[in-house]
Amino acid sequence: MKVQLYILGLLMRYGPKHGYSIKQIVSDNIAAFAKIKLPTIYYHLDKLSEKAYINSVIQKDGNRPEKTVYSITDLGVNYFNSLLNKILAENYSLEFDFDGVLYFSDFANKNAIIINLNRQKEYIENKLKELIITKDNTLNNLLPDYRTYCISIFNHHIYHLQTELKWINETLKELS
Protein backbone atom coordinates (compact mmCIF):
# COMPACT_ATOMS: atom_id res chain seq x y z
CA MET A 1 0.00 0.00 0.00
CA LYS A 2 2.75 2.46 0.97
CA VAL A 3 4.82 1.90 -2.17
CA GLN A 4 1.76 2.31 -4.36
CA LEU A 5 0.88 5.56 -2.59
CA TYR A 6 4.33 6.95 -3.33
CA ILE A 7 4.36 5.79 -6.96
CA LEU A 8 0.94 7.26 -7.66
CA GLY A 9 1.80 10.48 -5.84
CA LEU A 10 5.04 10.85 -7.79
CA LEU A 11 3.20 10.35 -11.09
CA MET A 12 0.69 12.99 -10.01
CA ARG A 13 3.40 15.44 -8.96
CA TYR A 14 5.94 14.92 -11.74
CA GLY A 15 3.81 13.60 -14.60
CA PRO A 16 4.57 10.54 -16.75
CA LYS A 17 7.82 8.76 -15.83
CA HIS A 18 9.62 5.57 -16.73
CA GLY A 19 10.45 3.04 -14.01
CA TYR A 20 14.09 4.01 -13.63
CA SER A 21 13.15 7.67 -13.23
CA ILE A 22 10.65 6.75 -10.50
CA LYS A 23 13.35 4.71 -8.75
CA GLN A 24 15.70 7.71 -8.92
CA ILE A 25 13.15 10.07 -7.41
CA VAL A 26 12.46 7.58 -4.62
CA SER A 27 16.17 7.06 -4.02
CA ASP A 28 17.01 10.77 -4.04
CA ASN A 29 13.98 12.19 -2.22
CA ILE A 30 11.99 9.57 -0.34
CA ALA A 31 14.25 6.69 0.70
CA ALA A 32 15.58 8.62 3.70
CA PHE A 33 12.20 8.50 5.42
CA ALA A 34 10.18 5.79 3.65
CA LYS A 35 11.45 2.24 3.74
CA ILE A 36 10.93 1.33 0.11
CA LYS A 37 12.98 -1.43 -1.44
CA LEU A 38 13.84 -0.09 -4.87
CA PRO A 39 13.55 -3.45 -6.70
CA THR A 40 9.90 -3.70 -5.61
CA ILE A 41 8.97 -0.58 -7.57
CA TYR A 42 8.65 -2.53 -10.84
CA TYR A 43 6.48 -5.13 -9.09
CA HIS A 44 4.15 -2.40 -7.88
CA LEU A 45 4.12 -0.69 -11.28
CA ASP A 46 2.92 -4.00 -12.77
CA LYS A 47 0.22 -4.36 -10.09
CA LEU A 48 -0.97 -0.77 -10.53
CA SER A 49 -1.05 -1.28 -14.28
CA GLU A 50 -3.05 -4.52 -13.97
CA LYS A 51 -5.68 -2.66 -11.94
CA ALA A 52 -5.76 0.22 -14.47
CA TYR A 53 -4.52 2.74 -11.87
CA ILE A 54 -1.73 3.63 -14.28
CA ASN A 55 -1.24 3.44 -18.03
CA SER A 56 1.97 2.24 -19.59
CA VAL A 57 3.26 3.21 -23.02
CA ILE A 58 6.45 1.92 -24.61
CA GLN A 59 8.56 4.73 -26.07
CA LYS A 60 11.69 4.59 -28.17
CA ASP A 61 14.06 7.55 -28.41
CA GLY A 62 16.45 7.21 -31.35
CA ASN A 63 18.92 4.34 -30.92
CA ARG A 64 18.27 4.09 -27.21
CA PRO A 65 16.49 1.04 -25.79
CA GLU A 66 12.72 1.11 -25.41
CA LYS A 67 11.34 2.48 -22.15
CA THR A 68 7.98 1.93 -20.56
CA VAL A 69 6.54 5.27 -19.47
CA TYR A 70 3.85 5.25 -16.79
CA SER A 71 1.11 7.80 -16.17
CA ILE A 72 -1.67 7.88 -13.62
CA THR A 73 -5.29 7.34 -14.69
CA ASP A 74 -8.44 8.88 -13.20
CA LEU A 75 -9.02 5.55 -11.47
CA GLY A 76 -5.47 5.83 -10.09
CA VAL A 77 -6.16 9.31 -8.72
CA ASN A 78 -9.23 7.93 -6.94
CA TYR A 79 -7.20 5.02 -5.56
CA PHE A 80 -4.44 7.41 -4.43
CA ASN A 81 -7.03 9.48 -2.56
CA SER A 82 -8.47 6.36 -0.93
CA LEU A 83 -4.97 5.37 0.22
CA LEU A 84 -4.43 8.84 1.69
CA ASN A 85 -7.73 8.64 3.55
CA LYS A 86 -7.01 5.13 4.81
CA ILE A 87 -3.64 6.22 6.22
CA LEU A 88 -5.19 9.35 7.75
CA ALA A 89 -7.78 7.18 9.53
CA GLU A 90 -5.20 4.81 11.06
CA ASN A 91 -4.16 5.24 14.67
CA TYR A 92 -0.55 6.21 15.17
CA SER A 93 1.28 3.48 17.02
CA LEU A 94 4.85 2.69 17.93
CA GLU A 95 6.24 -0.71 18.64
CA PHE A 96 9.84 -1.46 19.50
CA ASP A 97 10.96 -5.08 19.36
CA PHE A 98 13.87 -4.26 21.66
CA ASP A 99 11.41 -3.60 24.49
CA GLY A 100 10.79 -7.36 24.61
CA VAL A 101 14.51 -7.95 25.17
CA LEU A 102 14.57 -5.46 28.01
CA TYR A 103 11.40 -6.92 29.53
CA PHE A 104 13.07 -10.33 29.62
CA SER A 105 16.54 -8.98 30.34
CA ASP A 106 16.84 -11.31 33.33
CA PHE A 107 17.20 -14.09 30.72
CA ALA A 108 19.47 -12.12 28.35
CA ASN A 109 23.20 -11.52 28.36
CA LYS A 110 23.81 -8.02 29.77
CA ASN A 111 26.95 -7.55 27.66
CA ALA A 112 25.03 -8.49 24.52
CA ILE A 113 22.42 -5.85 25.39
CA ILE A 114 25.11 -3.20 25.90
CA ILE A 115 26.88 -4.17 22.66
CA ASN A 116 23.61 -3.97 20.74
CA LEU A 117 22.67 -0.61 22.25
CA ASN A 118 26.08 0.79 21.30
CA ARG A 119 25.67 -0.59 17.77
CA GLN A 120 22.21 1.00 17.53
CA LYS A 121 23.62 4.26 18.89
CA GLU A 122 26.23 4.37 16.14
CA TYR A 123 23.62 3.49 13.50
CA ILE A 124 21.28 6.26 14.69
CA GLU A 125 24.07 8.84 14.81
CA ASN A 126 24.96 7.98 11.21
CA LYS A 127 21.31 7.96 10.15
CA LEU A 128 20.82 11.41 11.70
CA LYS A 129 23.78 12.79 9.72
CA GLU A 130 22.42 11.18 6.54
CA LEU A 131 18.92 12.58 7.13
CA ILE A 132 20.19 16.10 7.68
CA ILE A 133 22.24 15.99 4.46
CA THR A 134 19.35 14.46 2.50
CA LYS A 135 16.95 17.03 3.95
CA ASP A 136 19.13 19.89 2.71
CA ASN A 137 19.61 18.31 -0.74
CA THR A 138 15.92 17.50 -1.11
CA LEU A 139 14.80 20.98 -0.07
CA ASN A 140 17.13 22.54 -2.64
CA ASN A 141 15.44 20.49 -5.39
CA LEU A 142 11.82 21.18 -4.40
CA LEU A 143 9.48 23.93 -5.45
CA PRO A 144 8.68 26.30 -2.55
CA ASP A 145 5.09 24.97 -2.30
CA TYR A 146 6.37 21.51 -1.31
CA ARG A 147 9.05 22.60 1.17
CA THR A 148 6.85 23.10 4.25
CA TYR A 149 5.60 19.51 4.29
CA CYS A 150 9.00 18.16 3.35
CA ILE A 151 10.61 19.98 6.28
CA SER A 152 7.92 18.52 8.53
CA ILE A 153 8.57 14.98 7.25
CA PHE A 154 12.31 15.18 7.78
CA ASN A 155 11.93 16.84 11.19
CA HIS A 156 9.52 14.07 12.22
CA HIS A 157 12.21 11.46 11.58
CA ILE A 158 15.05 13.57 12.97
CA TYR A 159 13.15 14.22 16.22
CA HIS A 160 12.33 10.52 16.60
CA LEU A 161 15.96 9.54 16.10
CA GLN A 162 17.19 12.24 18.48
CA THR A 163 14.77 11.00 21.14
CA GLU A 164 15.81 7.38 20.50
CA LEU A 165 19.46 8.40 20.88
CA LYS A 166 18.65 10.11 24.18
CA TRP A 167 16.87 6.95 25.38
CA ILE A 168 19.81 4.72 24.37
CA ASN A 169 22.27 6.96 26.22
CA GLU A 170 20.10 6.92 29.35
CA THR A 171 19.69 3.13 29.15
CA LEU A 172 23.43 2.59 28.65
CA LYS A 173 24.12 4.83 31.66
CA GLU A 174 21.70 2.75 33.78
CA LEU A 175 23.30 -0.52 32.65
CA SER A 176 26.86 0.56 33.45
C-alpha atoms as a PDB file:
ATOM      1  CA  MET A   1       0.000   0.000   0.000  1.00  0.00           C
ATOM      2  CA  LYS A   2       2.747   2.462   0.969  1.00  0.00           C
ATOM      3  CA  VAL A   3       4.822   1.903  -2.169  1.00  0.00           C
ATOM      4  CA  GLN A   4       1.757   2.306  -4.361  1.00  0.00           C
ATOM      5  CA  LEU A   5       0.884   5.558  -2.588  1.00  0.00           C
ATOM      6  CA  TYR A   6       4.334   6.946  -3.333  1.00  0.00           C
ATOM      7  CA  ILE A   7       4.358   5.788  -6.958  1.00  0.00           C
ATOM      8  CA  LEU A   8       0.937   7.260  -7.658  1.00  0.00           C
ATOM      9  CA  GLY A   9       1.805  10.479  -5.841  1.00  0.00           C
ATOM     10  CA  LEU A  10       5.037  10.847  -7.795  1.00  0.00           C
ATOM     11  CA  LEU A  11       3.199  10.349 -11.087  1.00  0.00           C
ATOM     12  CA  MET A  12       0.694  12.994 -10.006  1.00  0.00           C
ATOM     13  CA  ARG A  13       3.401  15.439  -8.962  1.00  0.00           C
ATOM     14  CA  TYR A  14       5.942  14.920 -11.744  1.00  0.00           C
ATOM     15  CA  GLY A  15       3.813  13.598 -14.599  1.00  0.00           C
ATOM     16  CA  PRO A  16       4.568  10.539 -16.748  1.00  0.00           C
ATOM     17  CA  LYS A  17       7.820   8.762 -15.829  1.00  0.00           C
ATOM     18  CA  HIS A  18       9.619   5.568 -16.726  1.00  0.00           C
ATOM     19  CA  GLY A  19      10.450   3.040 -14.011  1.00  0.00           C
ATOM     20  CA  TYR A  20      14.090   4.007 -13.629  1.00  0.00           C
ATOM     21  CA  SER A  21      13.147   7.667 -13.230  1.00  0.00           C
ATOM     22  CA  ILE A  22      10.652   6.746 -10.500  1.00  0.00           C
ATOM     23  CA  LYS A  23      13.355   4.712  -8.746  1.00  0.00           C
ATOM     24  CA  GLN A  24      15.703   7.711  -8.922  1.00  0.00           C
ATOM     25  CA  ILE A  25      13.148  10.074  -7.413  1.00  0.00           C
ATOM     26  CA  VAL A  26      12.456   7.578  -4.624  1.00  0.00           C
ATOM     27  CA  SER A  27      16.166   7.062  -4.017  1.00  0.00           C
ATOM     28  CA  ASP A  28      17.010  10.770  -4.039  1.00  0.00           C
ATOM     29  CA  ASN A  29      13.982  12.189  -2.220  1.00  0.00           C
ATOM     30  CA  ILE A  30      11.990   9.573  -0.339  1.00  0.00           C
ATOM     31  CA  ALA A  31      14.249   6.687   0.702  1.00  0.00           C
ATOM     32  CA  ALA A  32      15.582   8.622   3.696  1.00  0.00           C
ATOM     33  CA  PHE A  33      12.196   8.504   5.418  1.00  0.00           C
ATOM     34  CA  ALA A  34      10.183   5.792   3.652  1.00  0.00           C
ATOM     35  CA  LYS A  35      11.450   2.239   3.742  1.00  0.00           C
ATOM     36  CA  ILE A  36      10.932   1.333   0.108  1.00  0.00           C
ATOM     37  CA  LYS A  37      12.976  -1.432  -1.438  1.00  0.00           C
ATOM     38  CA  LEU A  38      13.840  -0.089  -4.865  1.00  0.00           C
ATOM     39  CA  PRO A  39      13.552  -3.448  -6.695  1.00  0.00           C
ATOM     40  CA  THR A  40       9.904  -3.696  -5.612  1.00  0.00           C
ATOM     41  CA  ILE A  41       8.970  -0.581  -7.570  1.00  0.00           C
ATOM     42  CA  TYR A  42       8.648  -2.530 -10.835  1.00  0.00           C
ATOM     43  CA  TYR A  43       6.485  -5.126  -9.095  1.00  0.00           C
ATOM     44  CA  HIS A  44       4.150  -2.396  -7.883  1.00  0.00           C
ATOM     45  CA  LEU A  45       4.122  -0.692 -11.283  1.00  0.00           C
ATOM     46  CA  ASP A  46       2.917  -3.996 -12.766  1.00  0.00           C
ATOM     47  CA  LYS A  47       0.220  -4.362 -10.089  1.00  0.00           C
ATOM     48  CA  LEU A  48      -0.965  -0.769 -10.526  1.00  0.00           C
ATOM     49  CA  SER A  49      -1.048  -1.278 -14.284  1.00  0.00           C
ATOM     50  CA  GLU A  50      -3.049  -4.520 -13.969  1.00  0.00           C
ATOM     51  CA  LYS A  51      -5.676  -2.661 -11.944  1.00  0.00           C
ATOM     52  CA  ALA A  52      -5.764   0.220 -14.469  1.00  0.00           C
ATOM     53  CA  TYR A  53      -4.524   2.736 -11.873  1.00  0.00           C
ATOM     54  CA  ILE A  54      -1.732   3.634 -14.282  1.00  0.00           C
ATOM     55  CA  ASN A  55      -1.236   3.443 -18.029  1.00  0.00           C
ATOM     56  CA  SER A  56       1.973   2.235 -19.594  1.00  0.00           C
ATOM     57  CA  VAL A  57       3.264   3.211 -23.016  1.00  0.00           C
ATOM     58  CA  ILE A  58       6.447   1.925 -24.615  1.00  0.00           C
ATOM     59  CA  GLN A  59       8.558   4.727 -26.066  1.00  0.00           C
ATOM     60  CA  LYS A  60      11.687   4.588 -28.169  1.00  0.00           C
ATOM     61  CA  ASP A  61      14.059   7.547 -28.406  1.00  0.00           C
ATOM     62  CA  GLY A  62      16.454   7.210 -31.352  1.00  0.00           C
ATOM     63  CA  ASN A  63      18.916   4.339 -30.917  1.00  0.00           C
ATOM     64  CA  ARG A  64      18.268   4.090 -27.205  1.00  0.00           C
ATOM     65  CA  PRO A  65      16.490   1.041 -25.791  1.00  0.00           C
ATOM     66  CA  GLU A  66      12.723   1.109 -25.408  1.00  0.00           C
ATOM     67  CA  LYS A  67      11.335   2.484 -22.152  1.00  0.00           C
ATOM     68  CA  THR A  68       7.982   1.933 -20.561  1.00  0.00           C
ATOM     69  CA  VAL A  69       6.537   5.268 -19.475  1.00  0.00           C
ATOM     70  CA  TYR A  70       3.847   5.252 -16.795  1.00  0.00           C
ATOM     71  CA  SER A  71       1.113   7.796 -16.166  1.00  0.00           C
ATOM     72  CA  ILE A  72      -1.674   7.881 -13.622  1.00  0.00           C
ATOM     73  CA  THR A  73      -5.294   7.340 -14.689  1.00  0.00           C
ATOM     74  CA  ASP A  74      -8.441   8.883 -13.197  1.00  0.00           C
ATOM     75  CA  LEU A  75      -9.019   5.554 -11.469  1.00  0.00           C
ATOM     76  CA  GLY A  76      -5.474   5.827 -10.089  1.00  0.00           C
ATOM     77  CA  VAL A  77      -6.164   9.311  -8.724  1.00  0.00           C
ATOM     78  CA  ASN A  78      -9.234   7.930  -6.938  1.00  0.00           C
ATOM     79  CA  TYR A  79      -7.197   5.020  -5.557  1.00  0.00           C
ATOM     80  CA  PHE A  80      -4.444   7.408  -4.434  1.00  0.00           C
ATOM     81  CA  ASN A  81      -7.026   9.483  -2.559  1.00  0.00           C
ATOM     82  CA  SER A  82      -8.471   6.361  -0.935  1.00  0.00           C
ATOM     83  CA  LEU A  83      -4.969   5.371   0.217  1.00  0.00           C
ATOM     84  CA  LEU A  84      -4.430   8.839   1.691  1.00  0.00           C
ATOM     85  CA  ASN A  85      -7.734   8.641   3.545  1.00  0.00           C
ATOM     86  CA  LYS A  86      -7.005   5.133   4.807  1.00  0.00           C
ATOM     87  CA  ILE A  87      -3.642   6.217   6.224  1.00  0.00           C
ATOM     88  CA  LEU A  88      -5.193   9.349   7.752  1.00  0.00           C
ATOM     89  CA  ALA A  89      -7.778   7.180   9.527  1.00  0.00           C
ATOM     90  CA  GLU A  90      -5.199   4.813  11.057  1.00  0.00           C
ATOM     91  CA  ASN A  91      -4.158   5.236  14.666  1.00  0.00           C
ATOM     92  CA  TYR A  92      -0.552   6.209  15.165  1.00  0.00           C
ATOM     93  CA  SER A  93       1.283   3.479  17.017  1.00  0.00           C
ATOM     94  CA  LEU A  94       4.847   2.692  17.928  1.00  0.00           C
ATOM     95  CA  GLU A  95       6.238  -0.715  18.643  1.00  0.00           C
ATOM     96  CA  PHE A  96       9.842  -1.462  19.504  1.00  0.00           C
ATOM     97  CA  ASP A  97      10.957  -5.084  19.360  1.00  0.00           C
ATOM     98  CA  PHE A  98      13.872  -4.262  21.655  1.00  0.00           C
ATOM     99  CA  ASP A  99      11.410  -3.600  24.494  1.00  0.00           C
ATOM    100  CA  GLY A 100      10.790  -7.356  24.609  1.00  0.00           C
ATOM    101  CA  VAL A 101      14.511  -7.947  25.165  1.00  0.00           C
ATOM    102  CA  LEU A 102      14.568  -5.460  28.015  1.00  0.00           C
ATOM    103  CA  TYR A 103      11.399  -6.917  29.532  1.00  0.00           C
ATOM    104  CA  PHE A 104      13.066 -10.331  29.621  1.00  0.00           C
ATOM    105  CA  SER A 105      16.541  -8.980  30.343  1.00  0.00           C
ATOM    106  CA  ASP A 106      16.843 -11.311  33.335  1.00  0.00           C
ATOM    107  CA  PHE A 107      17.202 -14.088  30.718  1.00  0.00           C
ATOM    108  CA  ALA A 108      19.469 -12.115  28.347  1.00  0.00           C
ATOM    109  CA  ASN A 109      23.202 -11.525  28.365  1.00  0.00           C
ATOM    110  CA  LYS A 110      23.810  -8.019  29.767  1.00  0.00           C
ATOM    111  CA  ASN A 111      26.955  -7.552  27.660  1.00  0.00           C
ATOM    112  CA  ALA A 112      25.029  -8.486  24.518  1.00  0.00           C
ATOM    113  CA  ILE A 113      22.421  -5.846  25.388  1.00  0.00           C
ATOM    114  CA  ILE A 114      25.109  -3.205  25.903  1.00  0.00           C
ATOM    115  CA  ILE A 115      26.878  -4.165  22.658  1.00  0.00           C
ATOM    116  CA  ASN A 116      23.608  -3.974  20.742  1.00  0.00           C
ATOM    117  CA  LEU A 117      22.669  -0.613  22.248  1.00  0.00           C
ATOM    118  CA  ASN A 118      26.084   0.791  21.295  1.00  0.00           C
ATOM    119  CA  ARG A 119      25.670  -0.591  17.767  1.00  0.00           C
ATOM    120  CA  GLN A 120      22.214   1.004  17.527  1.00  0.00           C
ATOM    121  CA  LYS A 121      23.615   4.259  18.893  1.00  0.00           C
ATOM    122  CA  GLU A 122      26.233   4.369  16.138  1.00  0.00           C
ATOM    123  CA  TYR A 123      23.619   3.489  13.503  1.00  0.00           C
ATOM    124  CA  ILE A 124      21.284   6.256  14.692  1.00  0.00           C
ATOM    125  CA  GLU A 125      24.071   8.839  14.815  1.00  0.00           C
ATOM    126  CA  ASN A 126      24.965   7.979  11.206  1.00  0.00           C
ATOM    127  CA  LYS A 127      21.306   7.961  10.151  1.00  0.00           C
ATOM    128  CA  LEU A 128      20.825  11.413  11.696  1.00  0.00           C
ATOM    129  CA  LYS A 129      23.785  12.790   9.721  1.00  0.00           C
ATOM    130  CA  GLU A 130      22.421  11.184   6.538  1.00  0.00           C
ATOM    131  CA  LEU A 131      18.921  12.581   7.129  1.00  0.00           C
ATOM    132  CA  ILE A 132      20.192  16.105   7.680  1.00  0.00           C
ATOM    133  CA  ILE A 133      22.236  15.995   4.460  1.00  0.00           C
ATOM    134  CA  THR A 134      19.347  14.457   2.503  1.00  0.00           C
ATOM    135  CA  LYS A 135      16.948  17.025   3.947  1.00  0.00           C
ATOM    136  CA  ASP A 136      19.126  19.887   2.707  1.00  0.00           C
ATOM    137  CA  ASN A 137      19.610  18.308  -0.742  1.00  0.00           C
ATOM    138  CA  THR A 138      15.918  17.505  -1.106  1.00  0.00           C
ATOM    139  CA  LEU A 139      14.797  20.982  -0.067  1.00  0.00           C
ATOM    140  CA  ASN A 140      17.129  22.544  -2.636  1.00  0.00           C
ATOM    141  CA  ASN A 141      15.439  20.490  -5.388  1.00  0.00           C
ATOM    142  CA  LEU A 142      11.824  21.183  -4.396  1.00  0.00           C
ATOM    143  CA  LEU A 143       9.484  23.930  -5.448  1.00  0.00           C
ATOM    144  CA  PRO A 144       8.679  26.297  -2.554  1.00  0.00           C
ATOM    145  CA  ASP A 145       5.088  24.968  -2.302  1.00  0.00           C
ATOM    146  CA  TYR A 146       6.366  21.505  -1.308  1.00  0.00           C
ATOM    147  CA  ARG A 147       9.053  22.602   1.167  1.00  0.00           C
ATOM    148  CA  THR A 148       6.848  23.097   4.249  1.00  0.00           C
ATOM    149  CA  TYR A 149       5.601  19.514   4.285  1.00  0.00           C
ATOM    150  CA  CYS A 150       9.004  18.159   3.350  1.00  0.00           C
ATOM    151  CA  ILE A 151      10.607  19.978   6.280  1.00  0.00           C
ATOM    152  CA  SER A 152       7.923  18.520   8.531  1.00  0.00           C
ATOM    153  CA  ILE A 153       8.570  14.978   7.246  1.00  0.00           C
ATOM    154  CA  PHE A 154      12.313  15.181   7.783  1.00  0.00           C
ATOM    155  CA  ASN A 155      11.933  16.836  11.191  1.00  0.00           C
ATOM    156  CA  HIS A 156       9.523  14.067  12.219  1.00  0.00           C
ATOM    157  CA  HIS A 157      12.211  11.461  11.582  1.00  0.00           C
ATOM    158  CA  ILE A 158      15.046  13.570  12.971  1.00  0.00           C
ATOM    159  CA  TYR A 159      13.150  14.218  16.222  1.00  0.00           C
ATOM    160  CA  HIS A 160      12.331  10.517  16.601  1.00  0.00           C
ATOM    161  CA  LEU A 161      15.962   9.538  16.100  1.00  0.00           C
ATOM    162  CA  GLN A 162      17.190  12.238  18.484  1.00  0.00           C
ATOM    163  CA  THR A 163      14.772  10.996  21.137  1.00  0.00           C
ATOM    164  CA  GLU A 164      15.809   7.383  20.504  1.00  0.00           C
ATOM    165  CA  LEU A 165      19.456   8.404  20.884  1.00  0.00           C
ATOM    166  CA  LYS A 166      18.649  10.112  24.182  1.00  0.00           C
ATOM    167  CA  TRP A 167      16.869   6.948  25.378  1.00  0.00           C
ATOM    168  CA  ILE A 168      19.810   4.719  24.368  1.00  0.00           C
ATOM    169  CA  ASN A 169      22.273   6.961  26.216  1.00  0.00           C
ATOM    170  CA  GLU A 170      20.097   6.916  29.346  1.00  0.00           C
ATOM    171  CA  THR A 171      19.695   3.127  29.147  1.00  0.00           C
ATOM    172  CA  LEU A 172      23.429   2.591  28.649  1.00  0.00           C
ATOM    173  CA  LYS A 173      24.116   4.827  31.660  1.00  0.00           C
ATOM    174  CA  GLU A 174      21.704   2.746  33.778  1.00  0.00           C
ATOM    175  CA  LEU A 175      23.299  -0.522  32.653  1.00  0.00           C
ATOM    176  CA  SER A 176      26.858   0.558  33.448  1.00  0.00           C
END
